[in-house]
PDB file of N, CA and C in Angstrom:
ATOM      1  N   UNK A   1      -0.641  21.332   1.686  1.00  0.00           N
ATOM      2  CA  UNK A   1       0.280  20.223   1.822  1.00  0.00           C
ATOM      3  C   UNK A   1       0.167  19.583   3.204  1.00  0.00           C
ATOM      4  N   UNK A   2      -0.089  20.378   4.239  1.00  0.00           N
ATOM      5  CA  UNK A   2      -0.211  19.827   5.581  1.00  0.00           C
ATOM      6  C   UNK A   2      -1.425  18.915   5.700  1.00  0.00           C
ATOM      7  N   UNK A   3      -2.511  19.248   5.013  1.00  0.00           N
ATOM      8  CA  UNK A   3      -3.690  18.386   5.037  1.00  0.00           C
ATOM      9  C   UNK A   3      -3.373  17.039   4.410  1.00  0.00           C
ATOM     10  N   UNK A   4      -2.610  17.056   3.325  1.00  0.00           N
ATOM     11  CA  UNK A   4      -2.242  15.820   2.647  1.00  0.00           C
ATOM     12  C   UNK A   4      -1.358  14.958   3.537  1.00  0.00           C
ATOM     13  N   UNK A   5      -0.419  15.559   4.231  1.00  0.00           N
ATOM     14  CA  UNK A   5       0.447  14.813   5.149  1.00  0.00           C
ATOM     15  C   UNK A   5      -0.346  14.205   6.294  1.00  0.00           C
ATOM     16  N   UNK A   6      -1.359  14.907   6.747  1.00  0.00           N
ATOM     17  CA  UNK A   6      -2.184  14.400   7.835  1.00  0.00           C
ATOM     18  C   UNK A   6      -2.893  13.117   7.421  1.00  0.00           C
ATOM     19  N   UNK A   7      -3.324  13.031   6.176  1.00  0.00           N
ATOM     20  CA  UNK A   7      -4.027  11.849   5.695  1.00  0.00           C
ATOM     21  C   UNK A   7      -3.089  10.675   5.465  1.00  0.00           C
ATOM     22  N   UNK A   8      -1.822  10.917   5.152  1.00  0.00           N
ATOM     23  CA  UNK A   8      -0.879   9.851   4.859  1.00  0.00           C
ATOM     24  C   UNK A   8       0.079   9.564   6.003  1.00  0.00           C
ATOM     25  N   UNK A   9      -0.193  10.101   7.174  1.00  0.00           N
ATOM     26  CA  UNK A   9       0.653   9.875   8.343  1.00  0.00           C
ATOM     27  C   UNK A   9       0.362   8.493   8.910  1.00  0.00           C
ATOM     28  N   UNK A  10       1.412   7.729   9.168  1.00  0.00           N
ATOM     29  CA  UNK A  10       1.238   6.407   9.749  1.00  0.00           C
ATOM     30  C   UNK A  10       0.989   6.552  11.246  1.00  0.00           C
ATOM     31  N   UNK A  11      -0.024   5.892  11.780  1.00  0.00           N
ATOM     32  CA  UNK A  11      -0.328   6.028  13.206  1.00  0.00           C
ATOM     33  C   UNK A  11       0.764   5.394  14.069  1.00  0.00           C
ATOM     34  N   UNK A  12       1.039   6.023  15.216  1.00  0.00           N
ATOM     35  CA  UNK A  12       2.097   5.552  16.087  1.00  0.00           C
ATOM     36  C   UNK A  12       1.570   4.827  17.324  1.00  0.00           C
ATOM     37  N   UNK A  13       0.262   4.780  17.498  1.00  0.00           N
ATOM     38  CA  UNK A  13      -0.290   4.088  18.661  1.00  0.00           C
ATOM     39  C   UNK A  13      -1.649   3.489  18.290  1.00  0.00           C
ATOM     40  N   UNK A  14      -2.108   2.563  19.141  1.00  0.00           N
ATOM     41  CA  UNK A  14      -3.413   1.951  18.901  1.00  0.00           C
ATOM     42  C   UNK A  14      -4.542   2.961  19.047  1.00  0.00           C
ATOM     43  N   UNK A  15      -4.338   3.974  19.851  1.00  0.00           N
ATOM     44  CA  UNK A  15      -5.364   5.007  20.004  1.00  0.00           C
ATOM     45  C   UNK A  15      -5.573   5.745  18.681  1.00  0.00           C
ATOM     46  N   UNK A  16      -4.489   6.013  17.969  1.00  0.00           N
ATOM     47  CA  UNK A  16      -4.612   6.671  16.661  1.00  0.00           C
ATOM     48  C   UNK A  16      -5.282   5.749  15.651  1.00  0.00           C
ATOM     49  N   UNK A  17      -4.980   4.453  15.708  1.00  0.00           N
ATOM     50  CA  UNK A  17      -5.620   3.493  14.798  1.00  0.00           C
ATOM     51  C   UNK A  17      -7.120   3.446  15.068  1.00  0.00           C
ATOM     52  N   UNK A  18      -7.493   3.405  16.327  1.00  0.00           N
ATOM     53  CA  UNK A  18      -8.913   3.386  16.683  1.00  0.00           C
ATOM     54  C   UNK A  18      -9.611   4.664  16.249  1.00  0.00           C
ATOM     55  N   UNK A  19      -8.910   5.798  16.334  1.00  0.00           N
ATOM     56  CA  UNK A  19      -9.497   7.072  15.927  1.00  0.00           C
ATOM     57  C   UNK A  19      -9.726   7.111  14.418  1.00  0.00           C
ATOM     58  N   UNK A  20      -8.817   6.515  13.658  1.00  0.00           N
ATOM     59  CA  UNK A  20      -8.961   6.494  12.198  1.00  0.00           C
ATOM     60  C   UNK A  20     -10.013   5.490  11.753  1.00  0.00           C
ATOM     61  N   UNK A  21     -10.145   4.405  12.493  1.00  0.00           N
ATOM     62  CA  UNK A  21     -11.185   3.413  12.224  1.00  0.00           C
ATOM     63  C   UNK A  21     -11.054   2.745  10.883  1.00  0.00           C
ATOM     64  N   UNK A  22     -12.168   2.686  10.169  1.00  0.00           N
ATOM     65  CA  UNK A  22     -12.219   1.957   8.907  1.00  0.00           C
ATOM     66  C   UNK A  22     -11.312   2.555   7.846  1.00  0.00           C
ATOM     67  N   UNK A  23     -11.011   3.854   7.906  1.00  0.00           N
ATOM     68  CA  UNK A  23     -10.133   4.475   6.915  1.00  0.00           C
ATOM     69  C   UNK A  23      -8.736   3.859   6.966  1.00  0.00           C
ATOM     70  N   UNK A  24      -8.263   3.583   8.168  1.00  0.00           N
ATOM     71  CA  UNK A  24      -6.955   2.964   8.316  1.00  0.00           C
ATOM     72  C   UNK A  24      -6.964   1.545   7.753  1.00  0.00           C
ATOM     73  N   UNK A  25      -8.016   0.803   8.046  1.00  0.00           N
ATOM     74  CA  UNK A  25      -8.108  -0.579   7.578  1.00  0.00           C
ATOM     75  C   UNK A  25      -8.163  -0.632   6.055  1.00  0.00           C
ATOM     76  N   UNK A  26      -8.952   0.223   5.445  1.00  0.00           N
ATOM     77  CA  UNK A  26      -9.058   0.258   3.982  1.00  0.00           C
ATOM     78  C   UNK A  26      -7.722   0.661   3.362  1.00  0.00           C
ATOM     79  N   UNK A  27      -7.072   1.667   3.903  1.00  0.00           N
ATOM     80  CA  UNK A  27      -5.776   2.098   3.390  1.00  0.00           C
ATOM     81  C   UNK A  27      -4.726   1.020   3.526  1.00  0.00           C
ATOM     82  N   UNK A  28      -4.733   0.323   4.647  1.00  0.00           N
ATOM     83  CA  UNK A  28      -3.787  -0.761   4.893  1.00  0.00           C
ATOM     84  C   UNK A  28      -3.974  -1.886   3.882  1.00  0.00           C
ATOM     85  N   UNK A  29      -5.212  -2.296   3.662  1.00  0.00           N
ATOM     86  CA  UNK A  29      -5.514  -3.370   2.717  1.00  0.00           C
ATOM     87  C   UNK A  29      -5.157  -2.952   1.297  1.00  0.00           C
ATOM     88  N   UNK A  30      -5.498  -1.739   0.905  1.00  0.00           N
ATOM     89  CA  UNK A  30      -5.181  -1.271  -0.450  1.00  0.00           C
ATOM     90  C   UNK A  30      -3.675  -1.193  -0.679  1.00  0.00           C
ATOM     91  N   UNK A  31      -2.932  -0.720   0.307  1.00  0.00           N
ATOM     92  CA  UNK A  31      -1.478  -0.635   0.173  1.00  0.00           C
ATOM     93  C   UNK A  31      -0.884  -2.008  -0.113  1.00  0.00           C
ATOM     94  N   UNK A  32      -1.257  -3.002   0.687  1.00  0.00           N
ATOM     95  CA  UNK A  32      -0.702  -4.336   0.503  1.00  0.00           C
ATOM     96  C   UNK A  32      -1.233  -5.022  -0.739  1.00  0.00           C
ATOM     97  N   UNK A  33      -2.454  -4.741  -1.129  1.00  0.00           N
ATOM     98  CA  UNK A  33      -3.007  -5.301  -2.355  1.00  0.00           C
ATOM     99  C   UNK A  33      -2.235  -4.808  -3.572  1.00  0.00           C
ATOM    100  N   UNK A  34      -1.966  -3.518  -3.627  1.00  0.00           N
ATOM    101  CA  UNK A  34      -1.204  -2.940  -4.738  1.00  0.00           C
ATOM    102  C   UNK A  34       0.234  -3.447  -4.720  1.00  0.00           C
ATOM    103  N   UNK A  35       0.861  -3.439  -3.541  1.00  0.00           N
ATOM    104  CA  UNK A  35       2.253  -3.885  -3.428  1.00  0.00           C
ATOM    105  C   UNK A  35       2.407  -5.341  -3.850  1.00  0.00           C
ATOM    106  N   UNK A  36       1.532  -6.205  -3.355  1.00  0.00           N
ATOM    107  CA  UNK A  36       1.638  -7.617  -3.676  1.00  0.00           C
ATOM    108  C   UNK A  36       1.281  -7.909  -5.127  1.00  0.00           C
ATOM    109  N   UNK A  37       0.369  -7.142  -5.691  1.00  0.00           N
ATOM    110  CA  UNK A  37       0.045  -7.320  -7.107  1.00  0.00           C
ATOM    111  C   UNK A  37       1.246  -7.012  -7.983  1.00  0.00           C
ATOM    112  N   UNK A  38       1.978  -5.986  -7.631  1.00  0.00           N
ATOM    113  CA  UNK A  38       3.171  -5.640  -8.396  1.00  0.00           C
ATOM    114  C   UNK A  38       4.245  -6.709  -8.209  1.00  0.00           C
ATOM    115  N   UNK A  39       4.488  -7.118  -6.976  1.00  0.00           N
ATOM    116  CA  UNK A  39       5.560  -8.078  -6.694  1.00  0.00           C
ATOM    117  C   UNK A  39       5.283  -9.476  -7.227  1.00  0.00           C
ATOM    118  N   UNK A  40       4.067  -9.961  -7.062  1.00  0.00           N
ATOM    119  CA  UNK A  40       3.786 -11.360  -7.339  1.00  0.00           C
ATOM    120  C   UNK A  40       3.027 -11.608  -8.635  1.00  0.00           C
ATOM    121  N   UNK A  41       2.523 -10.577  -9.280  1.00  0.00           N
ATOM    122  CA  UNK A  41       1.808 -10.763 -10.539  1.00  0.00           C
ATOM    123  C   UNK A  41       2.495 -10.009 -11.677  1.00  0.00           C
ATOM    124  N   UNK A  42       2.676  -8.706 -11.525  1.00  0.00           N
ATOM    125  CA  UNK A  42       3.194  -7.888 -12.615  1.00  0.00           C
ATOM    126  C   UNK A  42       4.642  -8.206 -12.959  1.00  0.00           C
ATOM    127  N   UNK A  43       5.523  -8.237 -11.979  1.00  0.00           N
ATOM    128  CA  UNK A  43       6.940  -8.491 -12.253  1.00  0.00           C
ATOM    129  C   UNK A  43       7.159  -9.882 -12.848  1.00  0.00           C
ATOM    130  N   UNK A  44       6.586 -10.959 -12.285  1.00  0.00           N
ATOM    131  CA  UNK A  44       6.763 -12.270 -12.944  1.00  0.00           C
ATOM    132  C   UNK A  44       6.185 -12.311 -14.362  1.00  0.00           C
ATOM    133  N   UNK A  45       5.065 -11.630 -14.572  1.00  0.00           N
ATOM    134  CA  UNK A  45       4.480 -11.578 -15.916  1.00  0.00           C
ATOM    135  C   UNK A  45       5.418 -10.901 -16.899  1.00  0.00           C
ATOM    136  N   UNK A  46       6.008  -9.777 -16.486  1.00  0.00           N
ATOM    137  CA  UNK A  46       6.944  -9.073 -17.359  1.00  0.00           C
ATOM    138  C   UNK A  46       8.199  -9.893 -17.624  1.00  0.00           C
ATOM    139  N   UNK A  47       8.692 -10.609 -16.623  1.00  0.00           N
ATOM    140  CA  UNK A  47       9.864 -11.462 -16.816  1.00  0.00           C
ATOM    141  C   UNK A  47       9.527 -12.603 -17.778  1.00  0.00           C
ATOM    142  N   UNK A  48       8.370 -13.206 -17.613  1.00  0.00           N
ATOM    143  CA  UNK A  48       7.955 -14.312 -18.471  1.00  0.00           C
ATOM    144  C   UNK A  48       7.836 -13.873 -19.932  1.00  0.00           C
ATOM    145  N   UNK A  49       7.333 -12.670 -20.163  1.00  0.00           N
ATOM    146  CA  UNK A  49       7.153 -12.170 -21.529  1.00  0.00           C
ATOM    147  C   UNK A  49       8.430 -11.560 -22.094  1.00  0.00           C
ATOM    148  N   UNK A  50       9.475 -11.465 -21.308  1.00  0.00           N
ATOM    149  CA  UNK A  50      10.751 -10.961 -21.812  1.00  0.00           C
ATOM    150  C   UNK A  50      10.903  -9.465 -21.755  1.00  0.00           C
ATOM    151  N   UNK A  51       9.993  -8.766 -21.104  1.00  0.00           N
ATOM    152  CA  UNK A  51      10.098  -7.327 -21.002  1.00  0.00           C
ATOM    153  C   UNK A  51      11.220  -6.930 -20.066  1.00  0.00           C
ATOM    154  N   UNK A  52      11.475  -7.776 -19.063  1.00  0.00           N
ATOM    155  CA  UNK A  52      12.575  -7.542 -18.125  1.00  0.00           C
ATOM    156  C   UNK A  52      13.544  -8.720 -18.290  1.00  0.00           C
ATOM    157  N   UNK A  53      14.771  -8.423 -18.625  1.00  0.00           N
ATOM    158  CA  UNK A  53      15.751  -9.504 -18.796  1.00  0.00           C
ATOM    159  C   UNK A  53      17.040  -9.151 -18.078  1.00  0.00           C
ATOM    160  N   UNK A  54      17.824 -10.153 -17.784  1.00  0.00           N
ATOM    161  CA  UNK A  54      19.095  -9.925 -17.079  1.00  0.00           C
ATOM    162  C   UNK A  54      20.133  -9.479 -18.023  1.00  0.00           C
TER     163      UNK A  54
END
């Protein structure tokens, strides 16, 4: 479990970001890509099709 936490720990300084390098950049982009896809594509699609209603 500690190894898993080490991989998902958010860096607290630029030195940690530089040490992580491309792994941090890829993780950052993937996180926002997934989040924005859900917020701006999936949820409006479900509302439009009536799967989510008030």
